[in-house]
C-alpha atoms as a PDB file:
ATOM      1  CA  UNK A   1     -88.456 -73.030 183.232  1.00  0.00           C
ATOM      2  CA  UNK A   2     -88.856 -75.740 180.610  1.00  0.00           C
ATOM      3  CA  UNK A   3     -85.621 -76.212 178.648  1.00  0.00           C
ATOM      4  CA  UNK A   4     -87.496 -75.941 175.327  1.00  0.00           C
ATOM      5  CA  UNK A   5     -88.793 -72.486 176.197  1.00  0.00           C
ATOM      6  CA  UNK A   6     -85.291 -71.073 176.710  1.00  0.00           C
ATOM      7  CA  UNK A   7     -83.818 -68.746 174.047  1.00  0.00           C
ATOM      8  CA  UNK A   8     -82.240 -70.488 171.065  1.00  0.00           C
ATOM      9  CA  UNK A   9     -79.031 -68.497 171.565  1.00  0.00           C
ATOM     10  CA  UNK A  10     -78.297 -70.573 174.676  1.00  0.00           C
ATOM     11  CA  UNK A  11     -77.853 -73.726 172.618  1.00  0.00           C
ATOM     12  CA  UNK A  12     -75.142 -74.851 170.229  1.00  0.00           C
ATOM     13  CA  UNK A  13     -75.881 -76.633 166.975  1.00  0.00           C
ATOM     14  CA  UNK A  14     -75.505 -80.372 167.402  1.00  0.00           C
ATOM     15  CA  UNK A  15     -74.901 -82.262 164.146  1.00  0.00           C
ATOM     16  CA  UNK A  16     -76.983 -85.213 165.331  1.00  0.00           C
ATOM     17  CA  UNK A  17     -79.894 -82.940 166.171  1.00  0.00           C
ATOM     18  CA  UNK A  18     -79.519 -81.115 162.851  1.00  0.00           C
ATOM     19  CA  UNK A  19     -79.601 -84.450 160.990  1.00  0.00           C
ATOM     20  CA  UNK A  20     -82.677 -85.563 162.951  1.00  0.00           C
ATOM     21  CA  UNK A  21     -84.420 -82.271 162.132  1.00  0.00           C
ATOM     22  CA  UNK A  22     -83.525 -82.663 158.451  1.00  0.00           C
ATOM     23  CA  UNK A  23     -84.986 -86.194 158.387  1.00  0.00           C
ATOM     24  CA  UNK A  24     -88.201 -85.013 160.065  1.00  0.00           C
ATOM     25  CA  UNK A  25     -88.389 -82.018 157.703  1.00  0.00           C
ATOM     26  CA  UNK A  26     -87.994 -84.375 154.738  1.00  0.00           C
ATOM     27  CA  UNK A  27     -90.845 -86.573 156.030  1.00  0.00           C
ATOM     28  CA  UNK A  28     -93.103 -83.537 156.420  1.00  0.00           C
ATOM     29  CA  UNK A  29     -92.107 -82.196 152.996  1.00  0.00           C
ATOM     30  CA  UNK A  30     -92.938 -85.547 151.416  1.00  0.00           C
ATOM     31  CA  UNK A  31     -96.393 -85.540 153.027  1.00  0.00           C
ATOM     32  CA  UNK A  32     -97.062 -81.981 151.873  1.00  0.00           C
ATOM     33  CA  UNK A  33     -95.768 -82.833 148.390  1.00  0.00           C
ATOM     34  CA  UNK A  34     -98.259 -85.689 148.171  1.00  0.00           C
ATOM     35  CA  UNK A  35    -101.077 -83.389 149.316  1.00  0.00           C
ATOM     36  CA  UNK A  36    -100.056 -80.708 146.831  1.00  0.00           C
ATOM     37  CA  UNK A  37    -100.070 -83.239 144.007  1.00  0.00           C
ATOM     38  CA  UNK A  38    -103.482 -84.619 144.849  1.00  0.00           C
ATOM     39  CA  UNK A  39    -105.503 -81.399 145.106  1.00  0.00           C
ATOM     40  CA  UNK A  40    -106.121 -78.531 142.717  1.00  0.00           C
ATOM     41  CA  UNK A  41    -104.085 -75.693 144.328  1.00  0.00           C
ATOM     42  CA  UNK A  42    -106.955 -73.210 144.162  1.00  0.00           C
ATOM     43  CA  UNK A  43    -108.866 -75.422 146.622  1.00  0.00           C
ATOM     44  CA  UNK A  44    -105.923 -76.328 148.828  1.00  0.00           C
ATOM     45  CA  UNK A  45    -105.821 -75.022 152.399  1.00  0.00           C
ATOM     46  CA  UNK A  46    -102.988 -76.248 154.607  1.00  0.00           C
ATOM     47  CA  UNK A  47    -104.150 -74.299 157.667  1.00  0.00           C
ATOM     48  CA  UNK A  48    -107.389 -72.614 158.706  1.00  0.00           C
ATOM     49  CA  UNK A  49    -105.622 -69.254 158.506  1.00  0.00           C
ATOM     50  CA  UNK A  50    -103.871 -69.545 155.116  1.00  0.00           C
ATOM     51  CA  UNK A  51    -105.500 -66.374 153.783  1.00  0.00           C
ATOM     52  CA  UNK A  52    -104.470 -64.379 156.847  1.00  0.00           C
ATOM     53  CA  UNK A  53    -100.907 -65.684 156.676  1.00  0.00           C
ATOM     54  CA  UNK A  54    -100.634 -64.788 152.984  1.00  0.00           C
ATOM     55  CA  UNK A  55    -102.142 -61.309 153.477  1.00  0.00           C
ATOM     56  CA  UNK A  56     -99.738 -60.524 156.315  1.00  0.00           C
ATOM     57  CA  UNK A  57     -96.848 -62.105 154.391  1.00  0.00           C
ATOM     58  CA  UNK A  58     -97.479 -59.757 151.476  1.00  0.00           C
ATOM     59  CA  UNK A  59     -97.708 -56.765 153.843  1.00  0.00           C
ATOM     60  CA  UNK A  60     -94.390 -57.683 155.475  1.00  0.00           C
ATOM     61  CA  UNK A  61     -92.585 -58.792 152.295  1.00  0.00           C
ATOM     62  CA  UNK A  62     -94.241 -56.843 149.459  1.00  0.00           C
ATOM     63  CA  UNK A  63     -91.331 -57.106 147.038  1.00  0.00           C
ATOM     64  CA  UNK A  64     -90.352 -60.728 147.604  1.00  0.00           C
ATOM     65  CA  UNK A  65     -90.708 -62.573 144.298  1.00  0.00           C
ATOM     66  CA  UNK A  66     -92.293 -65.966 144.767  1.00  0.00           C
ATOM     67  CA  UNK A  67     -91.686 -67.405 141.314  1.00  0.00           C
ATOM     68  CA  UNK A  68     -87.901 -67.483 141.881  1.00  0.00           C
ATOM     69  CA  UNK A  69     -86.627 -67.451 145.457  1.00  0.00           C
ATOM     70  CA  UNK A  70     -83.114 -66.053 145.844  1.00  0.00           C
ATOM     71  CA  UNK A  71     -81.544 -67.940 148.733  1.00  0.00           C
ATOM     72  CA  UNK A  72     -78.980 -65.219 149.486  1.00  0.00           C
ATOM     73  CA  UNK A  73     -81.759 -62.650 149.680  1.00  0.00           C
ATOM     74  CA  UNK A  74     -83.653 -64.733 152.246  1.00  0.00           C
ATOM     75  CA  UNK A  75     -80.612 -65.601 154.331  1.00  0.00           C
ATOM     76  CA  UNK A  76     -79.357 -62.042 154.756  1.00  0.00           C
ATOM     77  CA  UNK A  77     -79.283 -60.731 158.318  1.00  0.00           C
ATOM     78  CA  UNK A  78     -81.914 -58.135 157.389  1.00  0.00           C
ATOM     79  CA  UNK A  79     -84.282 -60.805 156.044  1.00  0.00           C
ATOM     80  CA  UNK A  80     -83.719 -63.138 158.994  1.00  0.00           C
ATOM     81  CA  UNK A  81     -84.535 -60.268 161.358  1.00  0.00           C
ATOM     82  CA  UNK A  82     -87.908 -59.864 159.615  1.00  0.00           C
ATOM     83  CA  UNK A  83     -88.697 -63.551 159.016  1.00  0.00           C
ATOM     84  CA  UNK A  84     -88.494 -64.851 162.589  1.00  0.00           C
ATOM     85  CA  UNK A  85     -90.946 -62.278 164.061  1.00  0.00           C
ATOM     86  CA  UNK A  86     -93.277 -62.917 161.120  1.00  0.00           C
ATOM     87  CA  UNK A  87     -93.324 -66.668 161.883  1.00  0.00           C
ATOM     88  CA  UNK A  88     -93.659 -66.086 165.617  1.00  0.00           C
ATOM     89  CA  UNK A  89     -96.908 -64.144 165.053  1.00  0.00           C
ATOM     90  CA  UNK A  90     -98.626 -67.353 164.009  1.00  0.00           C
ATOM     91  CA  UNK A  91     -97.063 -69.705 166.550  1.00  0.00           C
ATOM     92  CA  UNK A  92     -99.947 -69.488 169.022  1.00  0.00           C
ATOM     93  CA  UNK A  93    -102.579 -69.700 166.289  1.00  0.00           C
ATOM     94  CA  UNK A  94    -101.228 -72.904 164.769  1.00  0.00           C
ATOM     95  CA  UNK A  95    -101.063 -75.957 167.017  1.00  0.00           C
ATOM     96  CA  UNK A  96     -98.073 -77.474 165.206  1.00  0.00           C
ATOM     97  CA  UNK A  97     -95.986 -74.326 164.636  1.00  0.00           C
ATOM     98  CA  UNK A  98     -93.340 -75.069 167.234  1.00  0.00           C
ATOM     99  CA  UNK A  99     -90.439 -73.816 165.146  1.00  0.00           C
ATOM    100  CA  UNK A 100     -89.660 -71.099 162.639  1.00  0.00           C
ATOM    101  CA  UNK A 101     -88.061 -73.490 160.148  1.00  0.00           C
ATOM    102  CA  UNK A 102     -89.501 -73.256 156.689  1.00  0.00           C
ATOM    103  CA  UNK A 103     -89.179 -75.326 153.554  1.00  0.00           C
ATOM    104  CA  UNK A 104     -89.587 -73.378 150.328  1.00  0.00           C
ATOM    105  CA  UNK A 105     -89.701 -74.394 146.706  1.00  0.00           C
ATOM    106  CA  UNK A 106     -87.122 -72.153 145.046  1.00  0.00           C
ATOM    107  CA  UNK A 107     -88.403 -72.247 141.455  1.00  0.00           C
ATOM    108  CA  UNK A 108     -91.884 -72.217 140.019  1.00  0.00           C
ATOM    109  CA  UNK A 109     -92.331 -73.445 136.502  1.00  0.00           C
ATOM    110  CA  UNK A 110     -93.991 -70.881 134.202  1.00  0.00           C
ATOM    111  CA  UNK A 111     -96.343 -73.612 133.010  1.00  0.00           C
ATOM    112  CA  UNK A 112     -98.099 -75.761 135.602  1.00  0.00           C
ATOM    113  CA  UNK A 113     -96.950 -79.365 135.447  1.00  0.00           C
ATOM    114  CA  UNK A 114     -98.319 -82.515 136.959  1.00  0.00           C
ATOM    115  CA  UNK A 115     -96.461 -83.630 140.039  1.00  0.00           C
ATOM    116  CA  UNK A 116     -93.792 -86.183 139.256  1.00  0.00           C
ATOM    117  CA  UNK A 117     -91.299 -88.076 141.342  1.00  0.00           C
END
């Protein structure tokens, strides 16, 4: 059995690995930020199955407000128990979905603004 296919519970968190993941996540977030700022959102598709993901997301999380994300609400044991299986559903359909880590924007401005750095 490949070590990467073993259950996550068998591994301890390594600070070096966590820092490396955070750096890689930042790089990916920066790329997505640049894409988001360069395209009108109504035309933006990040994956070929965006519409399916959103439809199933809304079925699984019908009451989750997207304009203001409450971190404590997402990190509850109940939410975590729902989130991981939701992400796993799309793992085989997306070539680069090797992990269930997610980066979310926690606040959405009521008025659309131009992207700024």
